[in-house]
Amino acid sequence: MYFKNIVSSGCSFTADGIGGFPPTIENVGNSSFGIYEGIDPAVPNAWVSWIAKKIHPSSFVNLASGSHGNILIAHSIIELLSNFNYSPDNTLILFNLSNFYRYDVPCDFSNFNASPWVPWSSNIIPYTFYNMWSKKHKSLIKEIDATTIQNITANNVNFLFNFLSNNRYKFYFLMMEDYFKSPPKIKNVISNFRNHLIYLDKSNNMMEFCLKNNITVSETDHHPSKLGHEIISDIVHQHITTTI
């Protein structure tokens, strides 16, 4: 199994910096976890980074952004694939779905309220997103009810799934939490593409898996620990190698 390119996105359960540069017509791109003469590979801190270290793609770009949601995840992946030289024949897409209540609002990089957790620069994607904790972001969404936010977010996820499927990209996703327990619209969107969902043993989501196996950062921080990310990467890597 070999992929020239790996593209990733998600929230803090996948975030580990940009990881490298996309492929262009003139250049194959690069990966922070690749082996280059005179440069030590970076140390992986997230499950997708471990995957990149194992597969050794020419280009690995991780767009995952802490404290953000599925709108950012969908748009970041689609923008990258649309703007750079990614072929469905040699590109693998990996991401985690995040909380469907998170409503990402785009903005310019020059905006005072731009998110500090978005890892890309304007030469990768020409826009960024508001910091969800800023007063500006809160003022923008204060009149949007929770059901509307969930519906819009579900539509973005459905758009991403269909974009990847229609363009024949190989993609897999994890879930931060069990979104099959969400309202019917969200559940249906995920169910339609559940063959792309990777289960972590018997757990359908990352948080449950980490809590069950005592591989969280702490008792109060339920993100995967460093060991947790390595274990998740082993499961994902094994799934990929046996299904592709």
C-alpha atoms as a PDB file:
ATOM      1  CA  MET A   1       0.000   0.000   0.000  1.00  0.00           C
ATOM      2  CA  TYR A   2       1.414   3.374  -1.013  1.00  0.00           C
ATOM      3  CA  PHE A   3      -0.106   6.834  -1.239  1.00  0.00           C
ATOM      4  CA  LYS A   4       1.768   9.802  -2.662  1.00  0.00           C
ATOM      5  CA  ASN A   5      -0.452  12.166  -0.668  1.00  0.00           C
ATOM      6  CA  ILE A   6      -2.296  12.164   2.644  1.00  0.00           C
ATOM      7  CA  VAL A   7      -4.743  14.944   3.536  1.00  0.00           C
ATOM      8  CA  SER A   8      -6.165  15.203   7.022  1.00  0.00           C
ATOM      9  CA  SER A   9      -8.503  17.448   8.972  1.00  0.00           C
ATOM     10  CA  GLY A  10     -10.471  17.428  12.197  1.00  0.00           C
ATOM     11  CA  CYS A  11     -10.550  19.126  15.577  1.00  0.00           C
ATOM     12  CA  SER A  12      -8.103  18.879  18.505  1.00  0.00           C
ATOM     13  CA  PHE A  13      -8.458  15.074  18.444  1.00  0.00           C
ATOM     14  CA  THR A  14      -6.443  15.113  15.189  1.00  0.00           C
ATOM     15  CA  ALA A  15      -4.549  18.424  15.237  1.00  0.00           C
ATOM     16  CA  ASP A  16      -0.748  18.363  15.011  1.00  0.00           C
ATOM     17  CA  GLY A  17       0.242  21.364  12.906  1.00  0.00           C
ATOM     18  CA  ILE A  18       0.226  21.556   9.139  1.00  0.00           C
ATOM     19  CA  GLY A  19       2.613  18.646   8.679  1.00  0.00           C
ATOM     20  CA  GLY A  20       3.953  19.613   5.259  1.00  0.00           C
ATOM     21  CA  PHE A  21       3.101  21.196   1.904  1.00  0.00           C
ATOM     22  CA  PRO A  22       0.612  20.107  -0.799  1.00  0.00           C
ATOM     23  CA  PRO A  23       1.695  18.784  -4.205  1.00  0.00           C
ATOM     24  CA  THR A  24       1.775  21.193  -7.136  1.00  0.00           C
ATOM     25  CA  ILE A  25       2.342  20.591 -10.850  1.00  0.00           C
ATOM     26  CA  GLU A  26       6.012  21.477 -10.356  1.00  0.00           C
ATOM     27  CA  ASN A  27       6.614  19.857  -6.951  1.00  0.00           C
ATOM     28  CA  VAL A  28       5.519  16.668  -5.153  1.00  0.00           C
ATOM     29  CA  GLY A  29       5.121  18.550  -1.853  1.00  0.00           C
ATOM     30  CA  ASN A  30       6.573  17.352   1.429  1.00  0.00           C
ATOM     31  CA  SER A  31       5.867  15.933   4.865  1.00  0.00           C
ATOM     32  CA  SER A  32       7.268  16.950   8.253  1.00  0.00           C
ATOM     33  CA  PHE A  33       7.481  13.249   9.060  1.00  0.00           C
ATOM     34  CA  GLY A  34       9.309  12.290   5.882  1.00  0.00           C
ATOM     35  CA  ILE A  35      12.962  11.298   5.598  1.00  0.00           C
ATOM     36  CA  TYR A  36      15.110  13.973   3.946  1.00  0.00           C
ATOM     37  CA  GLU A  37      18.878  14.260   3.844  1.00  0.00           C
ATOM     38  CA  GLY A  38      20.172  16.474   6.627  1.00  0.00           C
ATOM     39  CA  ILE A  39      16.734  16.959   8.242  1.00  0.00           C
ATOM     40  CA  ASP A  40      15.420  15.006  11.210  1.00  0.00           C
ATOM     41  CA  PRO A  41      11.767  13.950  10.871  1.00  0.00           C
ATOM     42  CA  ALA A  42       9.322  15.613  13.251  1.00  0.00           C
ATOM     43  CA  VAL A  43       7.974  13.610  16.181  1.00  0.00           C
ATOM     44  CA  PRO A  44       4.314  12.620  15.645  1.00  0.00           C
ATOM     45  CA  ASN A  45       1.827  13.837  18.244  1.00  0.00           C
ATOM     46  CA  ALA A  46      -1.448  12.838  16.559  1.00  0.00           C
ATOM     47  CA  TRP A  47      -2.745   9.579  15.079  1.00  0.00           C
ATOM     48  CA  VAL A  48      -2.667  10.901  11.501  1.00  0.00           C
ATOM     49  CA  SER A  49       0.950  11.951  11.947  1.00  0.00           C
ATOM     50  CA  TRP A  50       1.831   8.398  12.976  1.00  0.00           C
ATOM     51  CA  ILE A  51       0.033   7.170   9.847  1.00  0.00           C
ATOM     52  CA  ALA A  52       2.111   9.556   7.725  1.00  0.00           C
ATOM     53  CA  LYS A  53       5.283   8.304   9.378  1.00  0.00           C
ATOM     54  CA  LYS A  54       4.311   4.696   8.634  1.00  0.00           C
ATOM     55  CA  ILE A  55       3.208   5.226   5.021  1.00  0.00           C
ATOM     56  CA  HIS A  56       5.872   7.815   4.042  1.00  0.00           C
ATOM     57  CA  PRO A  57       3.826   9.838   1.511  1.00  0.00           C
ATOM     58  CA  SER A  58       5.510  12.492  -0.596  1.00  0.00           C
ATOM     59  CA  SER A  59       3.074  15.033   0.819  1.00  0.00           C
ATOM     60  CA  PHE A  60       1.200  15.066   4.126  1.00  0.00           C
ATOM     61  CA  VAL A  61      -0.947  18.054   5.096  1.00  0.00           C
ATOM     62  CA  ASN A  62      -2.930  18.078   8.347  1.00  0.00           C
ATOM     63  CA  LEU A  63      -5.552  20.852   8.428  1.00  0.00           C
ATOM     64  CA  ALA A  64      -7.083  19.807  11.771  1.00  0.00           C
ATOM     65  CA  SER A  65      -7.832  22.800  13.993  1.00  0.00           C
ATOM     66  CA  GLY A  66      -8.492  22.632  17.722  1.00  0.00           C
ATOM     67  CA  SER A  67     -11.777  24.113  19.019  1.00  0.00           C
ATOM     68  CA  HIS A  68     -13.363  23.967  15.565  1.00  0.00           C
ATOM     69  CA  GLY A  69     -16.080  21.909  13.937  1.00  0.00           C
ATOM     70  CA  ASN A  70     -17.285  20.131  10.848  1.00  0.00           C
ATOM     71  CA  ILE A  71     -17.807  23.206   8.669  1.00  0.00           C
ATOM     72  CA  LEU A  72     -14.086  23.955   8.870  1.00  0.00           C
ATOM     73  CA  ILE A  73     -13.283  20.275   8.358  1.00  0.00           C
ATOM     74  CA  ALA A  74     -15.417  20.032   5.215  1.00  0.00           C
ATOM     75  CA  HIS A  75     -14.265  23.292   3.649  1.00  0.00           C
ATOM     76  CA  SER A  76     -10.582  22.835   4.457  1.00  0.00           C
ATOM     77  CA  ILE A  77     -10.450  19.421   2.778  1.00  0.00           C
ATOM     78  CA  ILE A  78     -12.432  20.490  -0.276  1.00  0.00           C
ATOM     79  CA  GLU A  79     -10.407  23.697  -0.718  1.00  0.00           C
ATOM     80  CA  LEU A  80      -7.097  21.849  -0.524  1.00  0.00           C
ATOM     81  CA  LEU A  81      -8.114  19.107  -2.940  1.00  0.00           C
ATOM     82  CA  SER A  82      -9.548  21.662  -5.377  1.00  0.00           C
ATOM     83  CA  ASN A  83      -6.587  24.033  -5.353  1.00  0.00           C
ATOM     84  CA  PHE A  84      -3.620  21.653  -5.495  1.00  0.00           C
ATOM     85  CA  ASN A  85      -2.437  18.723  -7.588  1.00  0.00           C
ATOM     86  CA  TYR A  86      -4.210  15.873  -5.795  1.00  0.00           C
ATOM     87  CA  SER A  87      -5.128  12.817  -7.841  1.00  0.00           C
ATOM     88  CA  PRO A  88      -7.816  10.454  -6.482  1.00  0.00           C
ATOM     89  CA  ASP A  89      -5.585   7.593  -7.628  1.00  0.00           C
ATOM     90  CA  ASN A  90      -2.841   8.292  -5.101  1.00  0.00           C
ATOM     91  CA  THR A  91      -4.409  10.412  -2.346  1.00  0.00           C
ATOM     92  CA  LEU A  92      -5.739   9.230   1.019  1.00  0.00           C
ATOM     93  CA  ILE A  93      -8.123  11.418   3.065  1.00  0.00           C
ATOM     94  CA  LEU A  94      -8.334  10.921   6.842  1.00  0.00           C
ATOM     95  CA  PHE A  95     -10.333  13.039   9.287  1.00  0.00           C
ATOM     96  CA  ASN A  96     -12.385  13.020  12.453  1.00  0.00           C
ATOM     97  CA  LEU A  97     -15.904  14.375  12.733  1.00  0.00           C
ATOM     98  CA  SER A  98     -16.308  16.877  15.542  1.00  0.00           C
ATOM     99  CA  ASN A  99     -19.191  18.337  17.546  1.00  0.00           C
ATOM    100  CA  PHE A 100     -22.151  19.252  15.337  1.00  0.00           C
ATOM    101  CA  TYR A 101     -22.983  22.262  17.553  1.00  0.00           C
ATOM    102  CA  ARG A 102     -19.785  24.023  16.493  1.00  0.00           C
ATOM    103  CA  TYR A 103     -20.520  26.669  13.874  1.00  0.00           C
ATOM    104  CA  ASP A 104     -17.417  27.801  11.967  1.00  0.00           C
ATOM    105  CA  VAL A 105     -17.520  31.262  10.378  1.00  0.00           C
ATOM    106  CA  PRO A 106     -14.887  32.185   7.732  1.00  0.00           C
ATOM    107  CA  CYS A 107     -12.879  35.395   7.865  1.00  0.00           C
ATOM    108  CA  ASP A 108      -9.681  36.982   6.496  1.00  0.00           C
ATOM    109  CA  PHE A 109      -6.319  36.245   8.084  1.00  0.00           C
ATOM    110  CA  SER A 110      -6.002  39.943   8.897  1.00  0.00           C
ATOM    111  CA  ASN A 111      -9.110  39.827  11.094  1.00  0.00           C
ATOM    112  CA  PHE A 112      -8.362  40.587  14.731  1.00  0.00           C
ATOM    113  CA  ASN A 113     -10.674  37.736  15.764  1.00  0.00           C
ATOM    114  CA  ALA A 114      -9.082  35.079  13.526  1.00  0.00           C
ATOM    115  CA  SER A 115      -8.612  31.711  15.190  1.00  0.00           C
ATOM    116  CA  PRO A 116      -5.174  30.997  16.690  1.00  0.00           C
ATOM    117  CA  TRP A 117      -5.719  27.243  16.191  1.00  0.00           C
ATOM    118  CA  VAL A 118      -6.003  27.162  12.395  1.00  0.00           C
ATOM    119  CA  PRO A 119      -2.637  25.721  11.227  1.00  0.00           C
ATOM    120  CA  TRP A 120      -2.548  26.775   7.572  1.00  0.00           C
ATOM    121  CA  SER A 121      -1.413  30.059   6.016  1.00  0.00           C
ATOM    122  CA  SER A 122      -2.939  32.013   3.115  1.00  0.00           C
ATOM    123  CA  ASN A 123      -0.711  30.244   0.563  1.00  0.00           C
ATOM    124  CA  ILE A 124      -2.473  26.961   1.465  1.00  0.00           C
ATOM    125  CA  ILE A 125      -6.083  28.174   1.872  1.00  0.00           C
ATOM    126  CA  PRO A 126      -6.783  31.889   1.244  1.00  0.00           C
ATOM    127  CA  TYR A 127      -9.085  32.342   4.245  1.00  0.00           C
ATOM    128  CA  THR A 128      -9.311  31.286   7.867  1.00  0.00           C
ATOM    129  CA  PHE A 129     -12.068  31.148  10.503  1.00  0.00           C
ATOM    130  CA  TYR A 130     -13.165  33.175  13.505  1.00  0.00           C
ATOM    131  CA  ASN A 131     -11.967  32.183  16.942  1.00  0.00           C
ATOM    132  CA  MET A 132     -15.046  30.472  18.386  1.00  0.00           C
ATOM    133  CA  TRP A 133     -14.313  31.912  21.812  1.00  0.00           C
ATOM    134  CA  SER A 134     -14.165  35.516  20.609  1.00  0.00           C
ATOM    135  CA  LYS A 135     -16.924  38.030  21.341  1.00  0.00           C
ATOM    136  CA  LYS A 136     -17.257  38.642  17.598  1.00  0.00           C
ATOM    137  CA  HIS A 137     -18.006  35.005  16.844  1.00  0.00           C
ATOM    138  CA  LYS A 138     -20.481  34.773  19.695  1.00  0.00           C
ATOM    139  CA  SER A 139     -22.253  37.873  18.442  1.00  0.00           C
ATOM    140  CA  LEU A 140     -22.483  36.419  14.924  1.00  0.00           C
ATOM    141  CA  ILE A 141     -24.215  33.242  16.016  1.00  0.00           C
ATOM    142  CA  LYS A 142     -26.276  34.408  19.008  1.00  0.00           C
ATOM    143  CA  GLU A 143     -29.474  34.501  16.958  1.00  0.00           C
ATOM    144  CA  ILE A 144     -28.944  31.069  15.360  1.00  0.00           C
ATOM    145  CA  ASP A 145     -30.706  28.324  17.290  1.00  0.00           C
ATOM    146  CA  ALA A 146     -28.997  25.016  18.058  1.00  0.00           C
ATOM    147  CA  THR A 147     -31.168  22.979  15.687  1.00  0.00           C
ATOM    148  CA  THR A 148     -30.290  25.231  12.763  1.00  0.00           C
ATOM    149  CA  ILE A 149     -26.592  24.962  13.580  1.00  0.00           C
ATOM    150  CA  GLN A 150     -26.844  21.177  13.664  1.00  0.00           C
ATOM    151  CA  ASN A 151     -28.690  21.092  10.338  1.00  0.00           C
ATOM    152  CA  ILE A 152     -26.195  23.391   8.605  1.00  0.00           C
ATOM    153  CA  THR A 153     -23.282  21.411  10.001  1.00  0.00           C
ATOM    154  CA  ALA A 154     -24.853  18.130   8.895  1.00  0.00           C
ATOM    155  CA  ASN A 155     -25.315  19.565   5.384  1.00  0.00           C
ATOM    156  CA  ASN A 156     -21.611  20.443   5.253  1.00  0.00           C
ATOM    157  CA  VAL A 157     -20.623  16.928   6.306  1.00  0.00           C
ATOM    158  CA  ASN A 158     -22.963  15.453   3.710  1.00  0.00           C
ATOM    159  CA  PHE A 159     -21.446  17.763   1.076  1.00  0.00           C
ATOM    160  CA  LEU A 160     -17.937  16.611   2.048  1.00  0.00           C
ATOM    161  CA  PHE A 161     -18.879  12.926   1.921  1.00  0.00           C
ATOM    162  CA  ASN A 162     -20.480  13.305  -1.494  1.00  0.00           C
ATOM    163  CA  PHE A 163     -17.605  15.417  -2.862  1.00  0.00           C
ATOM    164  CA  LEU A 164     -15.072  12.768  -1.853  1.00  0.00           C
ATOM    165  CA  SER A 165     -17.230   9.895  -3.050  1.00  0.00           C
ATOM    166  CA  ASN A 166     -18.177  11.464  -6.391  1.00  0.00           C
ATOM    167  CA  ASN A 167     -14.551  12.329  -7.109  1.00  0.00           C
ATOM    168  CA  ARG A 168     -13.484   8.809  -6.131  1.00  0.00           C
ATOM    169  CA  TYR A 169     -11.113   9.759  -3.335  1.00  0.00           C
ATOM    170  CA  LYS A 170     -10.208   7.059  -0.848  1.00  0.00           C
ATOM    171  CA  PHE A 171     -11.317   8.358   2.540  1.00  0.00           C
ATOM    172  CA  TYR A 172     -11.881   7.188   6.084  1.00  0.00           C
ATOM    173  CA  PHE A 173     -13.099   9.010   9.149  1.00  0.00           C
ATOM    174  CA  LEU A 174     -13.289   8.659  12.915  1.00  0.00           C
ATOM    175  CA  MET A 175     -15.845  10.288  15.210  1.00  0.00           C
ATOM    176  CA  MET A 176     -14.888  12.308  18.277  1.00  0.00           C
ATOM    177  CA  GLU A 177     -18.094  11.184  20.033  1.00  0.00           C
ATOM    178  CA  ASP A 178     -20.994   8.844  19.226  1.00  0.00           C
ATOM    179  CA  TYR A 179     -22.957  10.879  16.678  1.00  0.00           C
ATOM    180  CA  PHE A 180     -25.310   7.990  15.972  1.00  0.00           C
ATOM    181  CA  LYS A 181     -27.046   9.255  19.116  1.00  0.00           C
ATOM    182  CA  SER A 182     -27.601  12.638  17.436  1.00  0.00           C
ATOM    183  CA  PRO A 183     -30.874  13.835  15.816  1.00  0.00           C
ATOM    184  CA  PRO A 184     -32.056  11.809  12.765  1.00  0.00           C
ATOM    185  CA  LYS A 185     -30.578  14.147  10.136  1.00  0.00           C
ATOM    186  CA  ILE A 186     -27.048  13.792  11.532  1.00  0.00           C
ATOM    187  CA  LYS A 187     -27.443  10.074  12.120  1.00  0.00           C
ATOM    188  CA  ASN A 188     -28.673   9.546   8.557  1.00  0.00           C
ATOM    189  CA  VAL A 189     -25.791  11.494   6.987  1.00  0.00           C
ATOM    190  CA  ILE A 190     -23.246   9.357   8.845  1.00  0.00           C
ATOM    191  CA  SER A 191     -25.153   6.120   8.289  1.00  0.00           C
ATOM    192  CA  ASN A 192     -25.125   6.651   4.523  1.00  0.00           C
ATOM    193  CA  PHE A 193     -21.305   6.581   4.590  1.00  0.00           C
ATOM    194  CA  ARG A 194     -20.690   4.346   7.584  1.00  0.00           C
ATOM    195  CA  ASN A 195     -18.594   1.977   5.437  1.00  0.00           C
ATOM    196  CA  HIS A 196     -15.937   4.728   5.599  1.00  0.00           C
ATOM    197  CA  LEU A 197     -16.116   4.931   9.410  1.00  0.00           C
ATOM    198  CA  ILE A 198     -13.297   3.162  11.232  1.00  0.00           C
ATOM    199  CA  TYR A 199     -14.280   1.537  14.511  1.00  0.00           C
ATOM    200  CA  LEU A 200     -11.702   1.468  17.269  1.00  0.00           C
ATOM    201  CA  ASP A 201     -12.170  -2.112  18.433  1.00  0.00           C
ATOM    202  CA  LYS A 202     -15.841  -2.105  19.460  1.00  0.00           C
ATOM    203  CA  SER A 203     -16.040   1.659  19.987  1.00  0.00           C
ATOM    204  CA  ASN A 204     -17.439   3.830  17.200  1.00  0.00           C
ATOM    205  CA  ASN A 205     -15.785   6.967  18.579  1.00  0.00           C
ATOM    206  CA  MET A 206     -12.451   8.202  19.860  1.00  0.00           C
ATOM    207  CA  MET A 207     -13.495   9.525  23.253  1.00  0.00           C
ATOM    208  CA  GLU A 208     -15.250   6.332  24.322  1.00  0.00           C
ATOM    209  CA  PHE A 209     -12.311   4.225  23.150  1.00  0.00           C
ATOM    210  CA  CYS A 210      -9.773   6.309  25.056  1.00  0.00           C
ATOM    211  CA  LEU A 211     -11.832   6.394  28.248  1.00  0.00           C
ATOM    212  CA  LYS A 212     -12.467   2.644  28.098  1.00  0.00           C
ATOM    213  CA  ASN A 213      -8.747   1.917  27.693  1.00  0.00           C
ATOM    214  CA  ASN A 214      -7.457   4.576  30.088  1.00  0.00           C
ATOM    215  CA  ILE A 215      -5.467   6.340  27.380  1.00  0.00           C
ATOM    216  CA  THR A 216      -6.748   9.894  27.848  1.00  0.00           C
ATOM    217  CA  VAL A 217      -4.546  12.874  28.683  1.00  0.00           C
ATOM    218  CA  SER A 218      -6.013  12.932  32.208  1.00  0.00           C
ATOM    219  CA  GLU A 219      -9.171  12.107  34.161  1.00  0.00           C
ATOM    220  CA  THR A 220     -10.642  15.453  33.157  1.00  0.00           C
ATOM    221  CA  ASP A 221      -9.052  15.837  29.701  1.00  0.00           C
ATOM    222  CA  HIS A 222     -10.541  13.151  27.471  1.00  0.00           C
ATOM    223  CA  HIS A 223      -8.322  13.760  24.460  1.00  0.00           C
ATOM    224  CA  PRO A 224      -6.119  10.804  23.484  1.00  0.00           C
ATOM    225  CA  SER A 225      -2.809  10.669  25.287  1.00  0.00           C
ATOM    226  CA  LYS A 226       0.368  10.222  23.263  1.00  0.00           C
ATOM    227  CA  LEU A 227       0.003   6.466  23.726  1.00  0.00           C
ATOM    228  CA  GLY A 228      -3.662   6.795  22.766  1.00  0.00           C
ATOM    229  CA  HIS A 229      -2.755   8.437  19.456  1.00  0.00           C
ATOM    230  CA  GLU A 230      -0.252   5.666  18.706  1.00  0.00           C
ATOM    231  CA  ILE A 231      -2.795   2.944  19.458  1.00  0.00           C
ATOM    232  CA  ILE A 232      -5.446   4.655  17.333  1.00  0.00           C
ATOM    233  CA  SER A 233      -2.967   4.965  14.469  1.00  0.00           C
ATOM    234  CA  ASP A 234      -2.192   1.237  14.654  1.00  0.00           C
ATOM    235  CA  ILE A 235      -5.893   0.371  14.348  1.00  0.00           C
ATOM    236  CA  VAL A 236      -6.443   2.841  11.498  1.00  0.00           C
ATOM    237  CA  HIS A 237      -3.328   1.685   9.662  1.00  0.00           C
ATOM    238  CA  GLN A 238      -4.349  -1.961   9.998  1.00  0.00           C
ATOM    239  CA  HIS A 239      -7.839  -1.141   8.681  1.00  0.00           C
ATOM    240  CA  ILE A 240      -6.432   0.707   5.681  1.00  0.00           C
ATOM    241  CA  THR A 241      -3.965  -2.031   4.782  1.00  0.00           C
ATOM    242  CA  THR A 242      -6.660  -4.723   4.880  1.00  0.00           C
ATOM    243  CA  THR A 243      -9.347  -2.829   2.956  1.00  0.00           C
ATOM    244  CA  ILE A 244      -7.434  -1.085   0.148  1.00  0.00           C
END
